[in-house]
Amino acid sequence: MMLTLNVADGAARVNPNGDGVALGHLLSMSDARLVTTATNQLQRTQGSFALCTMCIGVGHGVPIVIENSSIYSLTIPC
């Protein structure tokens, strides 16, 4: 698919950690792994957002956007 879309193998927008299909697609378990991996990747790379698309069975899916709030420095007024 990457060749069809002319996406370079090491492109920054490509998920380096695999997806649900690459994991064997255990229903719901791949979703938990995707969210955990995306959260860890955000922390590791200091990224801002991650998008996970999760299968909930029978052709339905749910997207989730994760925001890395640890990259913002918060100033709390006294």
Protein backbone atom coordinates (compact mmCIF):
# COMPACT_ATOMS: atom_id res chain seq x y z
CA MET A 1 0.00 0.00 0.00
CA MET A 2 2.87 2.40 0.77
CA LEU A 3 4.22 1.91 -2.75
CA THR A 4 0.79 2.58 -4.23
CA LEU A 5 0.53 5.84 -2.29
CA ASN A 6 4.18 6.79 -3.01
CA VAL A 7 4.99 6.98 0.70
CA ALA A 8 8.67 6.55 1.57
CA ASP A 9 9.53 3.58 3.80
CA GLY A 10 10.88 5.76 6.62
CA ALA A 11 8.38 8.62 6.28
CA ALA A 12 7.61 10.44 9.54
CA ARG A 13 3.87 9.86 9.08
CA VAL A 14 4.27 6.07 8.96
CA ASN A 15 3.66 4.16 12.20
CA PRO A 16 7.01 2.51 13.07
CA ASN A 17 5.37 0.26 15.68
CA GLY A 18 2.91 -1.72 13.55
CA ASP A 19 -0.88 -1.82 13.61
CA GLY A 20 -3.69 -4.18 14.62
CA VAL A 21 -3.40 -6.26 11.47
CA ALA A 22 0.37 -6.67 11.97
CA LEU A 23 -0.32 -7.85 15.52
CA GLY A 24 -2.73 -10.57 14.44
CA HIS A 25 -5.77 -8.38 15.15
CA LEU A 26 -7.07 -9.85 18.36
CA LEU A 27 -10.36 -8.02 18.77
CA SER A 28 -10.02 -5.31 21.45
CA MET A 29 -6.55 -6.47 22.53
CA SER A 30 -4.94 -4.81 19.51
CA ASP A 31 -6.82 -1.63 20.45
CA ALA A 32 -5.35 -1.64 23.94
CA ARG A 33 -1.90 -2.24 22.50
CA LEU A 34 -2.31 0.54 19.91
CA VAL A 35 -3.33 3.12 22.52
CA THR A 36 -0.52 2.08 24.89
CA THR A 37 2.07 2.13 22.10
CA ALA A 38 0.85 5.51 20.80
CA THR A 39 1.03 7.00 24.30
CA ASN A 40 4.56 5.65 24.81
CA GLN A 41 5.62 6.90 21.36
CA LEU A 42 4.29 10.40 22.16
CA GLN A 43 6.36 10.49 25.33
CA ARG A 44 9.45 9.07 23.62
CA THR A 45 9.36 11.53 20.69
CA GLN A 46 7.76 14.48 22.53
CA GLY A 47 5.00 14.44 19.90
CA SER A 48 1.84 16.47 20.30
CA PHE A 49 -0.93 14.16 19.08
CA ALA A 50 -1.49 10.57 18.02
CA LEU A 51 -4.43 9.11 16.11
CA CYS A 52 -5.48 5.50 16.64
CA THR A 53 -8.21 3.85 14.60
CA MET A 54 -9.65 0.85 16.37
CA CYS A 55 -11.83 -1.99 15.13
CA ILE A 56 -14.85 -2.75 17.30
CA GLY A 57 -15.98 -5.72 15.23
CA VAL A 58 -18.17 -6.48 12.23
CA GLY A 59 -16.72 -3.69 10.10
CA HIS A 60 -17.21 -0.88 12.60
CA GLY A 61 -14.41 1.33 13.84
CA VAL A 62 -13.71 4.06 16.38
CA PRO A 63 -11.01 6.72 16.13
CA ILE A 64 -9.27 8.14 19.19
CA VAL A 65 -6.97 11.17 19.35
CA ILE A 66 -4.44 11.24 22.19
CA GLU A 67 -2.85 14.53 23.23
CA ASN A 68 0.51 14.62 24.97
CA SER A 69 -0.16 17.22 27.67
CA SER A 70 3.29 16.65 29.23
CA ILE A 71 4.95 18.76 26.51
CA TYR A 72 3.21 21.91 27.71
CA SER A 73 4.63 23.90 30.58
CA LEU A 74 1.81 25.06 32.77
CA THR A 75 2.06 28.15 34.92
CA ILE A 76 -0.45 28.13 37.74
CA PRO A 77 -1.11 31.59 39.17
CA CYS A 78 -0.98 31.87 42.94
